[in-house]
Amino acid sequence: MAEIQIQGKDGKALGNHTFSKAIAEAKVSAVTAHRAVVAEEANSRQGTQSAKTRSEVRGGGRKPYKQKKTGNARQGTVSAPHYRHGGMAMAVKPRDYEKKINKKERRAALLGALAAHIEAGNVSVIDSIVFAEPKTKDAVAFLSALGLANQRRVLIIVPQYDQITLKCFRNLPNVTVKTAPSSSAGGAEAAKTAVFSTRDLLVSQKIVVAQDALTKIEEVWAK
């Protein structure tokens, strides 16, 4: 696990990469990984859902029919929840779903999940993931050279946002392209990047990471 083979885009071996101590000695914690995934999914919720209560719907100002001698149960308003177009009982309202997780715990979950994939032999390190033109067939040929064409979920990790690379893979439903973390935040390109998360690692069957991206991961998260 301390070393991994570096491959070219054609799948041929080019050398070896030695992992930093933080990745080589990372341990998988189910509790930490679960907390990281729950926090990520909760923080991605907009929380803008809103339904009207019986006091907010229009109408219902008078009784639908008289109190007695109709043979029906007594009713006070048509805005009650059991009426069509009535208000909702215990209506949901906008709220904040944010969950906090400290930086050390989040990094431990990321490195632990990555280390587990490395130990299982699910990670491929490529010297460079760069394409000349945004063509899907080039991405398919790249995955075929690595033996990943039939994998159900593949995670591609690139050093930084690259529009051509993203366009090459975006028509492949089984492939997700994410970026490595950056030590400096800000700028227009930084806003376009989507750094991979613990959930991205856990739901992936195979991971393909560029060598420069792996270097960034070790510089930022494996200190």
Protein backbone atom coordinates (compact mmCIF):
# COMPACT_ATOMS: atom_id res chain seq x y z
CA MET A 1 0.00 0.00 0.00
CA ALA A 2 2.98 2.33 0.44
CA GLU A 3 3.51 2.41 -3.32
CA ILE A 4 1.28 2.39 -6.38
CA GLN A 5 2.06 2.03 -10.06
CA ILE A 6 1.80 5.10 -12.30
CA GLN A 7 0.25 4.37 -15.69
CA GLY A 8 -0.01 6.27 -18.96
CA LYS A 9 -3.29 6.94 -20.75
CA ASP A 10 -2.69 3.75 -22.72
CA GLY A 11 -2.47 1.70 -19.52
CA LYS A 12 1.29 1.08 -19.71
CA ALA A 13 3.39 1.31 -16.53
CA LEU A 14 5.58 4.40 -16.22
CA GLY A 15 6.87 4.19 -12.67
CA ASN A 16 5.80 4.12 -9.04
CA HIS A 17 4.42 6.65 -6.58
CA THR A 18 5.15 6.44 -2.85
CA PHE A 19 2.26 7.54 -0.66
CA SER A 20 2.73 9.97 2.19
CA LYS A 21 2.60 8.65 5.73
CA ALA A 22 -0.86 10.14 6.33
CA ILE A 23 -2.42 8.11 3.50
CA ALA A 24 -0.35 4.97 4.03
CA GLU A 25 -1.35 4.78 7.71
CA ALA A 26 -4.94 6.03 7.38
CA LYS A 27 -7.54 3.80 9.03
CA VAL A 28 -11.14 3.37 7.96
CA SER A 29 -13.69 4.43 10.58
CA ALA A 30 -17.31 3.58 9.76
CA VAL A 31 -18.58 6.10 12.32
CA THR A 32 -16.43 8.96 10.99
CA ALA A 33 -17.31 8.16 7.37
CA HIS A 34 -21.01 8.04 8.22
CA ARG A 35 -20.88 11.40 9.98
CA ALA A 36 -19.07 12.97 7.02
CA VAL A 37 -21.59 11.65 4.49
CA VAL A 38 -24.61 12.68 6.59
CA ALA A 39 -23.18 16.19 7.01
CA GLU A 40 -22.45 16.49 3.28
CA GLU A 41 -25.93 15.42 2.22
CA ALA A 42 -27.62 17.58 4.85
CA ASN A 43 -25.59 20.65 3.86
CA SER A 44 -26.54 20.17 0.20
CA ARG A 45 -30.25 20.55 1.00
CA GLN A 46 -31.75 23.93 0.14
CA GLY A 47 -34.36 23.80 2.87
CA THR A 48 -36.76 26.01 0.89
CA GLN A 49 -39.75 23.67 0.96
CA SER A 50 -42.94 25.29 2.26
CA ALA A 51 -46.56 24.15 2.56
CA LYS A 52 -49.54 26.20 3.71
CA THR A 53 -51.31 25.59 6.99
CA ARG A 54 -55.08 25.91 7.34
CA SER A 55 -54.69 29.53 8.35
CA GLU A 56 -52.73 30.38 5.19
CA VAL A 57 -54.91 28.87 2.45
CA ARG A 58 -57.48 31.01 0.71
CA GLY A 59 -61.16 30.76 1.69
CA GLY A 60 -62.82 28.89 4.53
CA GLY A 61 -64.30 31.96 6.15
CA ARG A 62 -67.73 30.49 6.74
CA LYS A 63 -69.15 27.09 7.51
CA PRO A 64 -69.64 24.86 4.43
CA TYR A 65 -73.14 23.93 5.68
CA LYS A 66 -75.21 24.41 8.79
CA GLN A 67 -74.30 22.74 12.06
CA LYS A 68 -77.33 20.47 12.51
CA LYS A 69 -79.96 18.49 10.62
CA THR A 70 -77.86 17.61 7.55
CA GLY A 71 -76.91 14.07 8.54
CA ASN A 72 -73.22 14.93 8.08
CA ALA A 73 -70.52 15.48 10.62
CA ARG A 74 -70.24 19.09 11.75
CA GLN A 75 -67.70 21.16 9.82
CA GLY A 76 -66.34 24.58 10.63
CA THR A 77 -64.29 25.46 7.53
CA VAL A 78 -63.25 24.06 4.17
CA SER A 79 -59.63 25.02 4.87
CA ALA A 80 -59.27 22.05 7.23
CA PRO A 81 -56.63 19.45 6.20
CA HIS A 82 -59.15 16.76 5.23
CA TYR A 83 -60.72 18.98 2.56
CA ARG A 84 -59.49 19.24 -1.02
CA HIS A 85 -57.37 22.40 -1.34
CA GLY A 86 -57.34 22.65 2.43
CA GLY A 87 -54.27 23.41 4.53
CA MET A 88 -51.69 20.79 5.44
CA ALA A 89 -51.52 19.37 8.93
CA MET A 90 -48.07 19.94 10.46
CA ALA A 91 -46.99 21.74 7.29
CA VAL A 92 -43.27 21.78 6.46
CA LYS A 93 -41.63 25.19 6.50
CA PRO A 94 -38.23 26.55 5.39
CA ARG A 95 -35.43 25.47 7.70
CA ASP A 96 -31.68 25.10 7.83
CA TYR A 97 -30.44 21.49 7.65
CA GLU A 98 -26.77 22.36 8.15
CA LYS A 99 -24.68 19.91 10.15
CA LYS A 100 -21.19 20.75 11.32
CA ILE A 101 -18.22 18.43 11.19
CA ASN A 102 -14.75 19.54 12.20
CA LYS A 103 -11.89 19.64 9.71
CA LYS A 104 -9.84 16.85 11.27
CA GLU A 105 -12.79 14.47 11.30
CA ARG A 106 -13.68 15.30 7.68
CA ARG A 107 -10.10 14.73 6.52
CA ALA A 108 -9.89 11.48 8.47
CA ALA A 109 -13.01 10.23 6.68
CA LEU A 110 -11.61 11.24 3.27
CA LEU A 111 -8.19 9.69 3.79
CA GLY A 112 -9.66 6.57 5.37
CA ALA A 113 -12.01 6.00 2.43
CA LEU A 114 -9.19 6.64 -0.05
CA ALA A 115 -6.84 4.30 1.81
CA ALA A 116 -9.49 1.55 1.78
CA HIS A 117 -9.83 1.82 -2.00
CA ILE A 118 -6.05 1.75 -2.43
CA GLU A 119 -5.80 -1.32 -0.22
CA ALA A 120 -8.50 -3.03 -2.30
CA GLY A 121 -6.70 -2.22 -5.55
CA ASN A 122 -9.47 0.06 -6.85
CA VAL A 123 -7.25 3.12 -7.50
CA SER A 124 -5.37 3.83 -10.74
CA VAL A 125 -2.84 6.67 -10.92
CA ILE A 126 -2.38 8.20 -14.39
CA ASP A 127 0.50 10.48 -15.29
CA SER A 128 -1.84 12.98 -16.98
CA ILE A 129 -5.55 13.11 -17.77
CA VAL A 130 -5.63 15.64 -20.62
CA PHE A 131 -7.53 15.54 -23.91
CA ALA A 132 -6.92 17.61 -27.03
CA GLU A 133 -10.60 17.83 -28.02
CA PRO A 134 -13.91 17.33 -26.18
CA LYS A 135 -14.77 13.95 -27.68
CA THR A 136 -16.61 11.22 -25.80
CA LYS A 137 -14.95 8.50 -27.88
CA ASP A 138 -11.55 9.60 -26.52
CA ALA A 139 -12.85 9.18 -22.96
CA VAL A 140 -14.26 5.74 -23.81
CA ALA A 141 -10.92 4.70 -25.31
CA PHE A 142 -9.15 5.97 -22.17
CA LEU A 143 -11.39 3.89 -19.89
CA SER A 144 -11.05 0.84 -22.14
CA ALA A 145 -7.24 1.05 -21.98
CA LEU A 146 -7.50 0.92 -18.19
CA GLY A 147 -10.04 -1.91 -18.24
CA LEU A 148 -12.78 0.25 -16.72
CA ALA A 149 -15.23 0.52 -19.61
CA ASN A 150 -17.80 -1.77 -17.98
CA GLN A 151 -17.50 -0.47 -14.42
CA ARG A 152 -20.76 0.86 -12.98
CA ARG A 153 -19.32 3.85 -11.08
CA VAL A 154 -15.97 5.43 -11.89
CA LEU A 155 -14.59 8.54 -10.18
CA ILE A 156 -12.10 10.65 -12.16
CA ILE A 157 -10.00 13.07 -10.09
CA VAL A 158 -8.16 15.81 -12.00
CA PRO A 159 -5.80 18.50 -10.61
CA GLN A 160 -8.04 21.47 -11.49
CA TYR A 161 -11.13 22.40 -13.48
CA ASP A 162 -10.70 21.59 -17.17
CA GLN A 163 -13.64 22.18 -19.48
CA ILE A 164 -12.40 19.84 -22.22
CA THR A 165 -11.93 16.93 -19.80
CA LEU A 166 -15.35 17.54 -18.31
CA LYS A 167 -16.99 17.54 -21.75
CA CYS A 168 -15.23 14.29 -22.68
CA PHE A 169 -16.78 12.44 -19.76
CA ARG A 170 -20.10 14.22 -19.22
CA ASN A 171 -22.05 11.95 -21.63
CA LEU A 172 -20.93 8.83 -19.76
CA PRO A 173 -23.51 8.11 -17.03
CA ASN A 174 -21.16 5.83 -15.10
CA VAL A 175 -18.37 8.43 -14.75
CA THR A 176 -18.09 11.36 -12.33
CA VAL A 177 -15.36 13.98 -12.72
CA LYS A 178 -14.18 15.85 -9.63
CA THR A 179 -11.10 17.90 -8.77
CA ALA A 180 -8.39 17.66 -6.13
CA PRO A 181 -8.37 20.16 -3.25
CA SER A 182 -6.55 23.44 -3.73
CA SER A 183 -4.44 25.21 -1.11
CA SER A 184 -5.56 28.61 -2.47
CA ALA A 185 -9.25 29.39 -2.81
CA GLY A 186 -10.83 32.11 -4.90
CA GLY A 187 -11.12 33.22 -8.49
CA ALA A 188 -13.57 32.39 -11.26
CA GLU A 189 -12.10 28.94 -11.92
CA ALA A 190 -12.24 28.01 -8.23
CA ALA A 191 -16.00 28.57 -8.28
CA LYS A 192 -16.37 25.99 -11.08
CA THR A 193 -14.43 23.25 -9.33
CA ALA A 194 -16.18 20.49 -7.41
CA VAL A 195 -13.74 18.87 -5.00
CA PHE A 196 -14.41 15.19 -4.42
CA SER A 197 -15.93 14.21 -1.10
CA THR A 198 -16.15 11.18 1.16
CA ARG A 199 -19.45 10.21 -0.43
CA ASP A 200 -17.88 10.33 -3.92
CA LEU A 201 -15.24 7.87 -2.74
CA LEU A 202 -17.64 5.53 -0.98
CA VAL A 203 -20.10 5.19 -3.87
CA SER A 204 -17.38 4.62 -6.48
CA GLN A 205 -16.24 1.18 -7.58
CA LYS A 206 -13.07 2.40 -9.27
CA ILE A 207 -11.06 5.62 -8.88
CA VAL A 208 -8.78 7.13 -11.52
CA VAL A 209 -6.60 9.96 -10.22
CA ALA A 210 -4.09 12.08 -12.10
CA GLN A 211 -0.59 12.15 -10.64
CA ASP A 212 -0.71 15.93 -10.12
CA ALA A 213 -4.08 15.55 -8.39
CA LEU A 214 -2.64 12.94 -6.02
CA THR A 215 0.21 15.32 -5.20
CA LYS A 216 -2.32 18.04 -4.35
CA ILE A 217 -4.27 15.67 -2.14
CA GLU A 218 -1.14 14.86 -0.15
CA GLU A 219 -0.14 18.53 0.08
CA VAL A 220 -3.53 19.78 1.30
CA TRP A 221 -5.11 16.90 3.22
CA ALA A 222 -2.24 14.62 4.20
CA LYS A 223 -0.25 17.06 6.33
